[in-house]
Amino acid sequence: MRSYYWLVIIPFIGMLGGAVVFNQVTPYVLGMPFLLFWILLWIVLSSLTMLVIYQLDKSNGLLDREGDEV
């Protein structure tokens, strides 16, 4: 397993760990309770993490139309 695949753990820890630590309503960010903002932030960061992993992975896009390796 390639080492950059471990980047997947970062959004998992950020979303679940932050939900436990920042489980409060009072600070509003962009009109949302802080916990909702935290979860939405990590959804965006998760997508960016997947983009980084996709860019680092050299084996993507090496299949032809029949599914055989090029």
Foldseek 3Di string as FASTA:
>chain_A
DDPLVVLLVVLVCQLVVCCVVVVDAPDDDPNGGPNVVSNVVSVVVNVVSVVVVVVPDPPPPQADPVRDGD
